[in-house]
């Protein structure tokens, strides 16, 4: 009986440490890109171009295109300088949006915030409380949930 409880406590401590590490890395990203993390941001979607899953990347970019003006979200697009972004987004307003953080130096990749698949980080008061890696099996469901969370309380 005691062994399962100890395992559960150990696992939850490890998860808390991971979330603290991602909070630190997100702050490092904002510092490195000279961006400001709004404490009201509820979530961050990170998408990597040219190096990630192309289907998931395309879906993530489409989501950004539809939701880039949400004050409760930030969007990090790693490898911003690629031609693909200009073709996929093609909207001048998107290029000027302060909600989209343009990561031309792939800092998010170097900090381990993203690998192959897009990632959602949910935040509360600037602290990461949940990390979800998007893949072909969960991307539509998770992006729908992300949209619900970032549009809640907007009038």
Foldseek 3Di string as FASTA:
>chain_A
DVVVVVVVVVVVVVVVVVQQLVLVLVVVVCVVLVHDDDLQAFKEKEAEPDAADVVQNLVVLVLCLVCVPQPNYAYEYALQPDPVSCVSNVDVVSVVGSSYRYHNPRSCVVSVVDHHFMKMFGDHSSGTPDIDGDDPVCRVVVSVVVVVVSCPPPD
